[in-house]
Amino acid sequence: MDYPDFAEFVGSAVVDGGVERCVMICSSGFGACVAANKLPGIRAAICHDSYSAHQGVEHDDMNILVLGGRIVGSALAHDLVRVFVGARYTAQERHARRLAKVTAIEQRYTKAPV
């Protein structure tokens, strides 16, 4: 299977509002992460530790957790997913300000539909 196809499918589900967040798993996680982040509104990240899995949501409103299936063992993967799902975006002023800047960058480089 080709990870860009799944990244687009998963990312579209988030962008369209069908789901709040998703988890993707591929060999290393890198290709899926790169592909998912091509969709406007997606904030996908590879995590190998529980701090990153919750901090990415709390501070950066991460909406896709990407795991490398050849890197992360099953016990750690379960922990990362649990932490990711349980985390909530804090919307603290500094985080909201930074996220607004990220969104502005994304908008500057997103082409209008033809």
PDB file of N, CA and C in Angstrom:
ATOM      1  N   MET A   1       0.845  -1.176   0.000  1.00  0.00           N
ATOM      2  CA  MET A   1       0.000   0.000   0.000  1.00  0.00           C
ATOM      3  C   MET A   1       0.893   1.243   0.000  1.00  0.00           C
ATOM      4  N   ASP A   2       0.436   2.279  -0.618  1.00  0.00           N
ATOM      5  CA  ASP A   2       1.194   3.519  -0.699  1.00  0.00           C
ATOM      6  C   ASP A   2       0.711   4.504   0.363  1.00  0.00           C
ATOM      7  N   TYR A   3       1.633   4.928   1.224  1.00  0.00           N
ATOM      8  CA  TYR A   3       1.280   5.813   2.335  1.00  0.00           C
ATOM      9  C   TYR A   3       0.651   7.141   1.907  1.00  0.00           C
ATOM     10  N   PRO A   4       0.995   7.736   0.741  1.00  0.00           N
ATOM     11  CA  PRO A   4       0.323   8.998   0.394  1.00  0.00           C
ATOM     12  C   PRO A   4      -1.194   8.843   0.251  1.00  0.00           C
ATOM     13  N   ASP A   5      -1.640   7.689  -0.254  1.00  0.00           N
ATOM     14  CA  ASP A   5      -3.078   7.459  -0.396  1.00  0.00           C
ATOM     15  C   ASP A   5      -3.761   7.441   0.966  1.00  0.00           C
ATOM     16  N   PHE A   6      -3.157   6.752   1.922  1.00  0.00           N
ATOM     17  CA  PHE A   6      -3.729   6.674   3.265  1.00  0.00           C
ATOM     18  C   PHE A   6      -3.614   8.017   3.987  1.00  0.00           C
ATOM     19  N   ALA A   7      -2.522   8.719   3.788  1.00  0.00           N
ATOM     20  CA  ALA A   7      -2.357  10.032   4.416  1.00  0.00           C
ATOM     21  C   ALA A   7      -3.434  10.995   3.938  1.00  0.00           C
ATOM     22  N   GLU A   8      -3.728  10.957   2.656  1.00  0.00           N
ATOM     23  CA  GLU A   8      -4.781  11.823   2.132  1.00  0.00           C
ATOM     24  C   GLU A   8      -6.146  11.414   2.683  1.00  0.00           C
ATOM     25  N   PHE A   9      -6.418  10.124   2.743  1.00  0.00           N
ATOM     26  CA  PHE A   9      -7.690   9.628   3.264  1.00  0.00           C
ATOM     27  C   PHE A   9      -7.874  10.048   4.724  1.00  0.00           C
ATOM     28  N   VAL A  10      -6.861   9.794   5.537  1.00  0.00           N
ATOM     29  CA  VAL A  10      -6.921  10.121   6.962  1.00  0.00           C
ATOM     30  C   VAL A  10      -6.992  11.633   7.156  1.00  0.00           C
ATOM     31  N   GLY A  11      -6.122  12.363   6.460  1.00  0.00           N
ATOM     32  CA  GLY A  11      -6.119  13.819   6.583  1.00  0.00           C
ATOM     33  C   GLY A  11      -7.439  14.435   6.162  1.00  0.00           C
ATOM     34  N   SER A  12      -8.031  13.918   5.108  1.00  0.00           N
ATOM     35  CA  SER A  12      -9.332  14.418   4.640  1.00  0.00           C
ATOM     36  C   SER A  12     -10.420  14.207   5.681  1.00  0.00           C
ATOM     37  N   ALA A  13     -10.367  13.098   6.373  1.00  0.00           N
ATOM     38  CA  ALA A  13     -11.353  12.829   7.425  1.00  0.00           C
ATOM     39  C   ALA A  13     -11.263  13.876   8.528  1.00  0.00           C
ATOM     40  N   VAL A  14     -10.047  14.303   8.846  1.00  0.00           N
ATOM     41  CA  VAL A  14      -9.858  15.343   9.866  1.00  0.00           C
ATOM     42  C   VAL A  14     -10.294  16.700   9.331  1.00  0.00           C
ATOM     43  N   VAL A  15      -9.825  17.058   8.146  1.00  0.00           N
ATOM     44  CA  VAL A  15     -10.140  18.364   7.551  1.00  0.00           C
ATOM     45  C   VAL A  15     -11.643  18.528   7.356  1.00  0.00           C
ATOM     46  N   ASP A  16     -12.314  17.478   6.913  1.00  0.00           N
ATOM     47  CA  ASP A  16     -13.753  17.534   6.655  1.00  0.00           C
ATOM     48  C   ASP A  16     -14.588  17.507   7.930  1.00  0.00           C
ATOM     49  N   GLY A  17     -13.945  17.270   9.072  1.00  0.00           N
ATOM     50  CA  GLY A  17     -14.662  17.262  10.341  1.00  0.00           C
ATOM     51  C   GLY A  17     -15.312  15.939  10.695  1.00  0.00           C
ATOM     52  N   GLY A  18     -15.046  14.909   9.909  1.00  0.00           N
ATOM     53  CA  GLY A  18     -15.618  13.592  10.213  1.00  0.00           C
ATOM     54  C   GLY A  18     -15.050  12.992  11.493  1.00  0.00           C
ATOM     55  N   VAL A  19     -13.804  13.331  11.775  1.00  0.00           N
ATOM     56  CA  VAL A  19     -13.139  12.896  13.005  1.00  0.00           C
ATOM     57  C   VAL A  19     -12.317  14.058  13.544  1.00  0.00           C
ATOM     58  N   GLU A  20     -12.079  14.031  14.850  1.00  0.00           N
ATOM     59  CA  GLU A  20     -11.281  15.090  15.477  1.00  0.00           C
ATOM     60  C   GLU A  20      -9.797  14.873  15.253  1.00  0.00           C
ATOM     61  N   ARG A  21      -9.358  13.611  15.414  1.00  0.00           N
ATOM     62  CA  ARG A  21      -7.943  13.256  15.277  1.00  0.00           C
ATOM     63  C   ARG A  21      -7.824  11.834  14.759  1.00  0.00           C
ATOM     64  N   CYS A  22      -6.620  11.510  14.253  1.00  0.00           N
ATOM     65  CA  CYS A  22      -6.350  10.174  13.731  1.00  0.00           C
ATOM     66  C   CYS A  22      -4.950   9.728  14.125  1.00  0.00           C
ATOM     67  N   VAL A  23      -4.736   8.429  13.983  1.00  0.00           N
ATOM     68  CA  VAL A  23      -3.421   7.822  14.167  1.00  0.00           C
ATOM     69  C   VAL A  23      -3.070   7.120  12.872  1.00  0.00           C
ATOM     70  N   MET A  24      -1.839   7.342  12.405  1.00  0.00           N
ATOM     71  CA  MET A  24      -1.347   6.651  11.212  1.00  0.00           C
ATOM     72  C   MET A  24      -0.105   5.863  11.594  1.00  0.00           C
ATOM     73  N   ILE A  25       0.035   4.707  10.990  1.00  0.00           N
ATOM     74  CA  ILE A  25       1.218   3.875  11.213  1.00  0.00           C
ATOM     75  C   ILE A  25       1.756   3.450   9.859  1.00  0.00           C
ATOM     76  N   CYS A  26       3.044   3.687   9.649  1.00  0.00           N
ATOM     77  CA  CYS A  26       3.722   3.138   8.479  1.00  0.00           C
ATOM     78  C   CYS A  26       5.100   2.690   8.927  1.00  0.00           C
ATOM     79  N   SER A  27       5.927   2.243   8.043  1.00  0.00           N
ATOM     80  CA  SER A  27       7.221   1.660   8.421  1.00  0.00           C
ATOM     81  C   SER A  27       8.031   2.570   9.332  1.00  0.00           C
ATOM     82  N   SER A  28       8.415   3.735   8.830  1.00  0.00           N
ATOM     83  CA  SER A  28       9.192   4.663   9.647  1.00  0.00           C
ATOM     84  C   SER A  28       8.322   5.777  10.208  1.00  0.00           C
ATOM     85  N   GLY A  29       7.225   6.055   9.551  1.00  0.00           N
ATOM     86  CA  GLY A  29       6.346   7.154   9.930  1.00  0.00           C
ATOM     87  C   GLY A  29       6.635   8.434   9.163  1.00  0.00           C
ATOM     88  N   PHE A  30       7.824   8.554   8.616  1.00  0.00           N
ATOM     89  CA  PHE A  30       8.222   9.814   7.986  1.00  0.00           C
ATOM     90  C   PHE A  30       7.441  10.137   6.718  1.00  0.00           C
ATOM     91  N   GLY A  31       7.306   9.191   5.840  1.00  0.00           N
ATOM     92  CA  GLY A  31       6.591   9.450   4.593  1.00  0.00           C
ATOM     93  C   GLY A  31       5.141   9.809   4.845  1.00  0.00           C
ATOM     94  N   ALA A  32       4.493   9.071   5.731  1.00  0.00           N
ATOM     95  CA  ALA A  32       3.096   9.347   6.060  1.00  0.00           C
ATOM     96  C   ALA A  32       2.949  10.724   6.683  1.00  0.00           C
ATOM     97  N   CYS A  33       3.891  11.099   7.521  1.00  0.00           N
ATOM     98  CA  CYS A  33       3.854  12.407   8.172  1.00  0.00           C
ATOM     99  C   CYS A  33       4.012  13.524   7.146  1.00  0.00           C
ATOM    100  N   VAL A  34       4.971  13.391   6.265  1.00  0.00           N
ATOM    101  CA  VAL A  34       5.189  14.398   5.223  1.00  0.00           C
ATOM    102  C   VAL A  34       3.943  14.527   4.348  1.00  0.00           C
ATOM    103  N   ALA A  35       3.393  13.410   3.913  1.00  0.00           N
ATOM    104  CA  ALA A  35       2.223  13.438   3.029  1.00  0.00           C
ATOM    105  C   ALA A  35       1.007  14.049   3.731  1.00  0.00           C
ATOM    106  N   ALA A  36       0.765  13.658   4.965  1.00  0.00           N
ATOM    107  CA  ALA A  36      -0.403  14.186   5.693  1.00  0.00           C
ATOM    108  C   ALA A  36      -0.296  15.694   5.882  1.00  0.00           C
ATOM    109  N   ASN A  37       0.898  16.183   6.140  1.00  0.00           N
ATOM    110  CA  ASN A  37       1.081  17.618   6.375  1.00  0.00           C
ATOM    111  C   ASN A  37       0.927  18.459   5.112  1.00  0.00           C
ATOM    112  N   LYS A  38       0.734  17.838   3.966  1.00  0.00           N
ATOM    113  CA  LYS A  38       0.467  18.587   2.742  1.00  0.00           C
ATOM    114  C   LYS A  38      -0.968  19.099   2.699  1.00  0.00           C
ATOM    115  N   LEU A  39      -1.853  18.521   3.499  1.00  0.00           N
ATOM    116  CA  LEU A  39      -3.251  18.952   3.519  1.00  0.00           C
ATOM    117  C   LEU A  39      -3.401  20.163   4.428  1.00  0.00           C
ATOM    118  N   PRO A  40      -4.028  21.220   3.933  1.00  0.00           N
ATOM    119  CA  PRO A  40      -4.254  22.406   4.771  1.00  0.00           C
ATOM    120  C   PRO A  40      -5.046  22.023   6.025  1.00  0.00           C
ATOM    121  N   GLY A  41      -4.579  22.487   7.163  1.00  0.00           N
ATOM    122  CA  GLY A  41      -5.270  22.212   8.423  1.00  0.00           C
ATOM    123  C   GLY A  41      -4.756  21.004   9.163  1.00  0.00           C
ATOM    124  N   ILE A  42      -3.881  20.238   8.543  1.00  0.00           N
ATOM    125  CA  ILE A  42      -3.331  19.049   9.202  1.00  0.00           C
ATOM    126  C   ILE A  42      -2.045  19.423   9.928  1.00  0.00           C
ATOM    127  N   ARG A  43      -1.961  18.943  11.146  1.00  0.00           N
ATOM    128  CA  ARG A  43      -0.756  19.088  11.961  1.00  0.00           C
ATOM    129  C   ARG A  43      -0.392  17.690  12.454  1.00  0.00           C
ATOM    130  N   ALA A  44       0.334  16.978  11.607  1.00  0.00           N
ATOM    131  CA  ALA A  44       0.751  15.608  11.896  1.00  0.00           C
ATOM    132  C   ALA A  44       2.167  15.617  12.451  1.00  0.00           C
ATOM    133  N   ALA A  45       2.439  14.696  13.383  1.00  0.00           N
ATOM    134  CA  ALA A  45       3.790  14.602  13.943  1.00  0.00           C
ATOM    135  C   ALA A  45       4.103  13.155  14.290  1.00  0.00           C
ATOM    136  N   ILE A  46       5.377  12.815  14.134  1.00  0.00           N
ATOM    137  CA  ILE A  46       5.887  11.507  14.556  1.00  0.00           C
ATOM    138  C   ILE A  46       6.257  11.625  16.025  1.00  0.00           C
ATOM    139  N   CYS A  47       5.808  10.690  16.813  1.00  0.00           N
ATOM    140  CA  CYS A  47       6.143  10.688  18.234  1.00  0.00           C
ATOM    141  C   CYS A  47       6.706   9.328  18.626  1.00  0.00           C
ATOM    142  N   HIS A  48       7.742   9.395  19.450  1.00  0.00           N
ATOM    143  CA  HIS A  48       8.359   8.176  19.981  1.00  0.00           C
ATOM    144  C   HIS A  48       8.354   8.173  21.501  1.00  0.00           C
ATOM    145  N   ASP A  49       7.727   9.187  22.103  1.00  0.00           N
ATOM    146  CA  ASP A  49       7.672   9.272  23.562  1.00  0.00           C
ATOM    147  C   ASP A  49       6.343   9.903  23.977  1.00  0.00           C
ATOM    148  N   SER A  50       5.897   9.619  25.180  1.00  0.00           N
ATOM    149  CA  SER A  50       4.584  10.072  25.620  1.00  0.00           C
ATOM    150  C   SER A  50       4.524  11.587  25.812  1.00  0.00           C
ATOM    151  N   TYR A  51       5.632  12.209  26.208  1.00  0.00           N
ATOM    152  CA  TYR A  51       5.627  13.670  26.365  1.00  0.00           C
ATOM    153  C   TYR A  51       5.271  14.345  25.042  1.00  0.00           C
ATOM    154  N   SER A  52       5.913  13.943  23.962  1.00  0.00           N
ATOM    155  CA  SER A  52       5.635  14.533  22.650  1.00  0.00           C
ATOM    156  C   SER A  52       4.208  14.260  22.204  1.00  0.00           C
ATOM    157  N   ALA A  53       3.696  13.088  22.522  1.00  0.00           N
ATOM    158  CA  ALA A  53       2.341  12.719  22.099  1.00  0.00           C
ATOM    159  C   ALA A  53       1.283  13.604  22.744  1.00  0.00           C
ATOM    160  N   HIS A  54       1.473  13.998  24.003  1.00  0.00           N
ATOM    161  CA  HIS A  54       0.478  14.888  24.616  1.00  0.00           C
ATOM    162  C   HIS A  54       0.834  16.360  24.415  1.00  0.00           C
ATOM    163  N   GLN A  55       2.098  16.700  24.445  1.00  0.00           N
ATOM    164  CA  GLN A  55       2.500  18.093  24.279  1.00  0.00           C
ATOM    165  C   GLN A  55       2.163  18.608  22.883  1.00  0.00           C
ATOM    166  N   GLY A  56       2.279  17.751  21.881  1.00  0.00           N
ATOM    167  CA  GLY A  56       1.935  18.148  20.516  1.00  0.00           C
ATOM    168  C   GLY A  56       0.482  18.551  20.380  1.00  0.00           C
ATOM    169  N   VAL A  57      -0.381  17.894  21.129  1.00  0.00           N
ATOM    170  CA  VAL A  57      -1.800  18.260  21.131  1.00  0.00           C
ATOM    171  C   VAL A  57      -2.013  19.508  21.987  1.00  0.00           C
ATOM    172  N   GLU A  58      -1.471  19.495  23.196  1.00  0.00           N
ATOM    173  CA  GLU A  58      -1.710  20.580  24.147  1.00  0.00           C
ATOM    174  C   GLU A  58      -1.200  21.928  23.654  1.00  0.00           C
ATOM    175  N   HIS A  59      -0.042  21.952  23.026  1.00  0.00           N
ATOM    176  CA  HIS A  59       0.571  23.211  22.603  1.00  0.00           C
ATOM    177  C   HIS A  59       0.342  23.536  21.137  1.00  0.00           C
ATOM    178  N   ASP A  60       0.331  22.525  20.272  1.00  0.00           N
ATOM    179  CA  ASP A  60       0.305  22.755  18.822  1.00  0.00           C
ATOM    180  C   ASP A  60      -0.955  22.253  18.135  1.00  0.00           C
ATOM    181  N   ASP A  61      -1.911  21.770  18.909  1.00  0.00           N
ATOM    182  CA  ASP A  61      -3.167  21.252  18.364  1.00  0.00           C
ATOM    183  C   ASP A  61      -2.934  20.188  17.294  1.00  0.00           C
ATOM    184  N   MET A  62      -1.929  19.327  17.542  1.00  0.00           N
ATOM    185  CA  MET A  62      -1.618  18.222  16.633  1.00  0.00           C
ATOM    186  C   MET A  62      -2.878  17.383  16.441  1.00  0.00           C
ATOM    187  N   ASN A  63      -3.196  17.064  15.182  1.00  0.00           N
ATOM    188  CA  ASN A  63      -4.416  16.298  14.949  1.00  0.00           C
ATOM    189  C   ASN A  63      -4.174  14.933  14.302  1.00  0.00           C
ATOM    190  N   ILE A  64      -2.932  14.621  13.977  1.00  0.00           N
ATOM    191  CA  ILE A  64      -2.606  13.269  13.519  1.00  0.00           C
ATOM    192  C   ILE A  64      -1.315  12.824  14.199  1.00  0.00           C
ATOM    193  N   LEU A  65      -1.396  11.713  14.875  1.00  0.00           N
ATOM    194  CA  LEU A  65      -0.233  11.073  15.483  1.00  0.00           C
ATOM    195  C   LEU A  65       0.281  10.046  14.486  1.00  0.00           C
ATOM    196  N   VAL A  66       1.562  10.122  14.155  1.00  0.00           N
ATOM    197  CA  VAL A  66       2.158   9.181  13.216  1.00  0.00           C
ATOM    198  C   VAL A  66       3.179   8.334  13.964  1.00  0.00           C
ATOM    199  N   LEU A  67       3.066   7.031  13.806  1.00  0.00           N
ATOM    200  CA  LEU A  67       3.970   6.089  14.463  1.00  0.00           C
ATOM    201  C   LEU A  67       4.717   5.272  13.422  1.00  0.00           C
ATOM    202  N   GLY A  68       5.978   5.048  13.682  1.00  0.00           N
ATOM    203  CA  GLY A  68       6.779   4.174  12.840  1.00  0.00           C
ATOM    204  C   GLY A  68       6.640   2.745  13.327  1.00  0.00           C
ATOM    205  N   GLY A  69       5.985   1.915  12.560  1.00  0.00           N
ATOM    206  CA  GLY A  69       5.741   0.533  12.950  1.00  0.00           C
ATOM    207  C   GLY A  69       7.011  -0.288  13.143  1.00  0.00           C
ATOM    208  N   ARG A  70       8.082   0.090  12.462  1.00  0.00           N
ATOM    209  CA  ARG A  70       9.358  -0.611  12.622  1.00  0.00           C
ATOM    210  C   ARG A  70      10.224   0.013  13.717  1.00  0.00           C
ATOM    211  N   ILE A  71       9.724   1.086  14.326  1.00  0.00           N
ATOM    212  CA  ILE A  71      10.498   1.816  15.320  1.00  0.00           C
ATOM    213  C   ILE A  71       9.891   1.683  16.711  1.00  0.00           C
ATOM    214  N   VAL A  72       8.582   1.769  16.782  1.00  0.00           N
ATOM    215  CA  VAL A  72       7.869   1.770  18.055  1.00  0.00           C
ATOM    216  C   VAL A  72       7.256   0.394  18.300  1.00  0.00           C
ATOM    217  N   GLY A  73       7.545  -0.186  19.453  1.00  0.00           N
ATOM    218  CA  GLY A  73       6.962  -1.469  19.825  1.00  0.00           C
ATOM    219  C   GLY A  73       5.494  -1.333  20.191  1.00  0.00           C
ATOM    220  N   SER A  74       4.802  -2.445  20.281  1.00  0.00           N
ATOM    221  CA  SER A  74       3.359  -2.415  20.506  1.00  0.00           C
ATOM    222  C   SER A  74       2.976  -1.822  21.864  1.00  0.00           C
ATOM    223  N   ALA A  75       3.715  -2.116  22.920  1.00  0.00           N
ATOM    224  CA  ALA A  75       3.388  -1.561  24.238  1.00  0.00           C
ATOM    225  C   ALA A  75       3.526  -0.040  24.232  1.00  0.00           C
ATOM    226  N   LEU A  76       4.607   0.460  23.651  1.00  0.00           N
ATOM    227  CA  LEU A  76       4.801   1.903  23.569  1.00  0.00           C
ATOM    228  C   LEU A  76       3.751   2.532  22.662  1.00  0.00           C
ATOM    229  N   ALA A  77       3.432   1.881  21.560  1.00  0.00           N
ATOM    230  CA  ALA A  77       2.413   2.408  20.646  1.00  0.00           C
ATOM    231  C   ALA A  77       1.073   2.568  21.365  1.00  0.00           C
ATOM    232  N   HIS A  78       0.673   1.582  22.153  1.00  0.00           N
ATOM    233  CA  HIS A  78      -0.574   1.682  22.915  1.00  0.00           C
ATOM    234  C   HIS A  78      -0.529   2.876  23.868  1.00  0.00           C
ATOM    235  N   ASP A  79       0.603   3.065  24.539  1.00  0.00           N
ATOM    236  CA  ASP A  79       0.750   4.183  25.465  1.00  0.00           C
ATOM    237  C   ASP A  79       0.674   5.514  24.728  1.00  0.00           C
ATOM    238  N   LEU A  80       1.351   5.621  23.594  1.00  0.00           N
ATOM    239  CA  LEU A  80       1.345   6.866  22.829  1.00  0.00           C
ATOM    240  C   LEU A  80      -0.056   7.218  22.343  1.00  0.00           C
ATOM    241  N   VAL A  81      -0.785   6.227  21.862  1.00  0.00           N
ATOM    242  CA  VAL A  81      -2.150   6.472  21.387  1.00  0.00           C
ATOM    243  C   VAL A  81      -3.039   6.898  22.551  1.00  0.00           C
ATOM    244  N   ARG A  82      -2.913   6.243  23.683  1.00  0.00           N
ATOM    245  CA  ARG A  82      -3.720   6.591  24.862  1.00  0.00           C
ATOM    246  C   ARG A  82      -3.463   8.038  25.286  1.00  0.00           C
ATOM    247  N   VAL A  83      -2.200   8.419  25.349  1.00  0.00           N
ATOM    248  CA  VAL A  83      -1.830   9.780  25.751  1.00  0.00           C
ATOM    249  C   VAL A  83      -2.317  10.794  24.718  1.00  0.00           C
ATOM    250  N   PHE A  84      -2.138  10.499  23.440  1.00  0.00           N
ATOM    251  CA  PHE A  84      -2.577  11.381  22.351  1.00  0.00           C
ATOM    252  C   PHE A  84      -4.084  11.603  22.405  1.00  0.00           C
ATOM    253  N   VAL A  85      -4.836  10.540  22.531  1.00  0.00           N
ATOM    254  CA  VAL A  85      -6.301  10.629  22.556  1.00  0.00           C
ATOM    255  C   VAL A  85      -6.782  11.385  23.799  1.00  0.00           C
ATOM    256  N   GLY A  86      -6.093  11.218  24.914  1.00  0.00           N
ATOM    257  CA  GLY A  86      -6.500  11.870  26.153  1.00  0.00           C
ATOM    258  C   GLY A  86      -6.106  13.333  26.268  1.00  0.00           C
ATOM    259  N   ALA A  87      -5.219  13.801  25.420  1.00  0.00           N
ATOM    260  CA  ALA A  87      -4.728  15.182  25.503  1.00  0.00           C
ATOM    261  C   ALA A  87      -5.730  16.152  24.882  1.00  0.00           C
ATOM    262  N   ARG A  88      -5.709  17.382  25.359  1.00  0.00           N
ATOM    263  CA  ARG A  88      -6.572  18.439  24.829  1.00  0.00           C
ATOM    264  C   ARG A  88      -5.742  19.694  24.575  1.00  0.00           C
ATOM    265  N   TYR A  89      -6.053  20.385  23.510  1.00  0.00           N
ATOM    266  CA  TYR A  89      -5.392  21.651  23.177  1.00  0.00           C
ATOM    267  C   TYR A  89      -5.723  22.662  24.269  1.00  0.00           C
ATOM    268  N   THR A  90      -4.707  23.332  24.807  1.00  0.00           N
ATOM    269  CA  THR A  90      -4.918  24.252  25.925  1.00  0.00           C
ATOM    270  C   THR A  90      -5.449  25.608  25.492  1.00  0.00           C
ATOM    271  N   ALA A  91      -5.151  26.026  24.277  1.00  0.00           N
ATOM    272  CA  ALA A  91      -5.554  27.335  23.747  1.00  0.00           C
ATOM    273  C   ALA A  91      -5.006  28.482  24.588  1.00  0.00           C
ATOM    274  N   GLN A  92      -3.933  28.241  25.333  1.00  0.00           N
ATOM    275  CA  GLN A  92      -3.292  29.334  26.064  1.00  0.00           C
ATOM    276  C   GLN A  92      -2.855  30.393  25.057  1.00  0.00           C
ATOM    277  N   GLU A  93      -2.793  31.625  25.491  1.00  0.00           N
ATOM    278  CA  GLU A  93      -2.528  32.740  24.585  1.00  0.00           C
ATOM    279  C   GLU A  93      -1.290  32.510  23.732  1.00  0.00           C
ATOM    280  N   ARG A  94      -0.198  32.085  24.335  1.00  0.00           N
ATOM    281  CA  ARG A  94       1.032  31.907  23.542  1.00  0.00           C
ATOM    282  C   ARG A  94       0.889  30.796  22.516  1.00  0.00           C
ATOM    283  N   HIS A  95       0.155  29.744  22.860  1.00  0.00           N
ATOM    284  CA  HIS A  95      -0.047  28.642  21.919  1.00  0.00           C
ATOM    285  C   HIS A  95      -0.995  29.058  20.795  1.00  0.00           C
ATOM    286  N   ALA A  96      -2.068  29.756  21.149  1.00  0.00           N
ATOM    287  CA  ALA A  96      -3.021  30.224  20.140  1.00  0.00           C
ATOM    288  C   ALA A  96      -2.351  31.212  19.191  1.00  0.00           C
ATOM    289  N   ARG A  97      -1.505  32.094  19.722  1.00  0.00           N
ATOM    290  CA  ARG A  97      -0.787  33.068  18.891  1.00  0.00           C
ATOM    291  C   ARG A  97       0.132  32.358  17.896  1.00  0.00           C
ATOM    292  N   ARG A  98       0.856  31.378  18.380  1.00  0.00           N
ATOM    293  CA  ARG A  98       1.788  30.647  17.507  1.00  0.00           C
ATOM    294  C   ARG A  98       1.041  29.821  16.468  1.00  0.00           C
ATOM    295  N   LEU A  99      -0.046  29.185  16.878  1.00  0.00           N
ATOM    296  CA  LEU A  99      -0.832  28.392  15.935  1.00  0.00           C
ATOM    297  C   LEU A  99      -1.440  29.291  14.855  1.00  0.00           C
ATOM    298  N   ALA A 100      -1.855  30.491  15.240  1.00  0.00           N
ATOM    299  CA  ALA A 100      -2.381  31.441  14.246  1.00  0.00           C
ATOM    300  C   ALA A 100      -1.293  31.810  13.235  1.00  0.00           C
ATOM    301  N   LYS A 101      -0.065  31.934  13.682  1.00  0.00           N
ATOM    302  CA  LYS A 101       1.044  32.220  12.764  1.00  0.00           C
ATOM    303  C   LYS A 101       1.298  31.051  11.821  1.00  0.00           C
ATOM    304  N   VAL A 102       1.199  29.841  12.334  1.00  0.00           N
ATOM    305  CA  VAL A 102       1.363  28.647  11.485  1.00  0.00           C
ATOM    306  C   VAL A 102       0.253  28.615  10.436  1.00  0.00           C
ATOM    307  N   THR A 103      -0.965  28.894  10.853  1.00  0.00           N
ATOM    308  CA  THR A 103      -2.096  28.911   9.925  1.00  0.00           C
ATOM    309  C   THR A 103      -1.908  29.998   8.867  1.00  0.00           C
ATOM    310  N   ALA A 104      -1.397  31.145   9.260  1.00  0.00           N
ATOM    311  CA  ALA A 104      -1.143  32.231   8.299  1.00  0.00           C
ATOM    312  C   ALA A 104      -0.097  31.822   7.269  1.00  0.00           C
ATOM    313  N   ILE A 105       0.944  31.141   7.705  1.00  0.00           N
ATOM    314  CA  ILE A 105       1.956  30.642   6.765  1.00  0.00           C
ATOM    315  C   ILE A 105       1.304  29.682   5.780  1.00  0.00           C
ATOM    316  N   GLU A 106       0.523  28.763   6.295  1.00  0.00           N
ATOM    317  CA  GLU A 106      -0.162  27.781   5.451  1.00  0.00           C
ATOM    318  C   GLU A 106      -1.046  28.484   4.420  1.00  0.00           C
ATOM    319  N   GLN A 107      -1.769  29.489   4.832  1.00  0.00           N
ATOM    320  CA  GLN A 107      -2.665  30.206   3.923  1.00  0.00           C
ATOM    321  C   GLN A 107      -1.904  30.966   2.847  1.00  0.00           C
ATOM    322  N   ARG A 108      -0.750  31.498   3.192  1.00  0.00           N
ATOM    323  CA  ARG A 108       0.046  32.215   2.188  1.00  0.00           C
ATOM    324  C   ARG A 108       0.538  31.302   1.082  1.00  0.00           C
ATOM    325  N   TYR A 109       0.719  30.043   1.378  1.00  0.00           N
ATOM    326  CA  TYR A 109       1.271  29.109   0.394  1.00  0.00           C
ATOM    327  C   TYR A 109       0.239  28.149  -0.178  1.00  0.00           C
ATOM    328  N   THR A 110      -1.006  28.302   0.189  1.00  0.00           N
ATOM    329  CA  THR A 110      -2.077  27.470  -0.342  1.00  0.00           C
ATOM    330  C   THR A 110      -2.680  28.170  -1.540  1.00  0.00           C
ATOM    331  N   LYS A 111      -2.673  27.488  -2.660  1.00  0.00           N
ATOM    332  CA  LYS A 111      -3.224  28.064  -3.889  1.00  0.00           C
ATOM    333  C   LYS A 111      -4.729  28.007  -3.846  1.00  0.00           C
ATOM    334  N   ALA A 112      -5.353  29.029  -4.382  1.00  0.00           N
ATOM    335  CA  ALA A 112      -6.804  29.060  -4.483  1.00  0.00           C
ATOM    336  C   ALA A 112      -7.271  28.014  -5.473  1.00  0.00           C
ATOM    337  N   PRO A 113      -8.439  27.402  -5.224  1.00  0.00           N
ATOM    338  CA  PRO A 113      -8.965  26.399  -6.166  1.00  0.00           C
ATOM    339  C   PRO A 113      -9.158  26.999  -7.562  1.00  0.00           C
ATOM    340  N   VAL A 114      -8.921  26.189  -8.581  1.00  0.00           N
ATOM    341  CA  VAL A 114      -9.061  26.647  -9.967  1.00  0.00           C
ATOM    342  C   VAL A 114     -10.439  26.326 -10.469  1.00  0.00           C
TER     343      VAL A 114
END
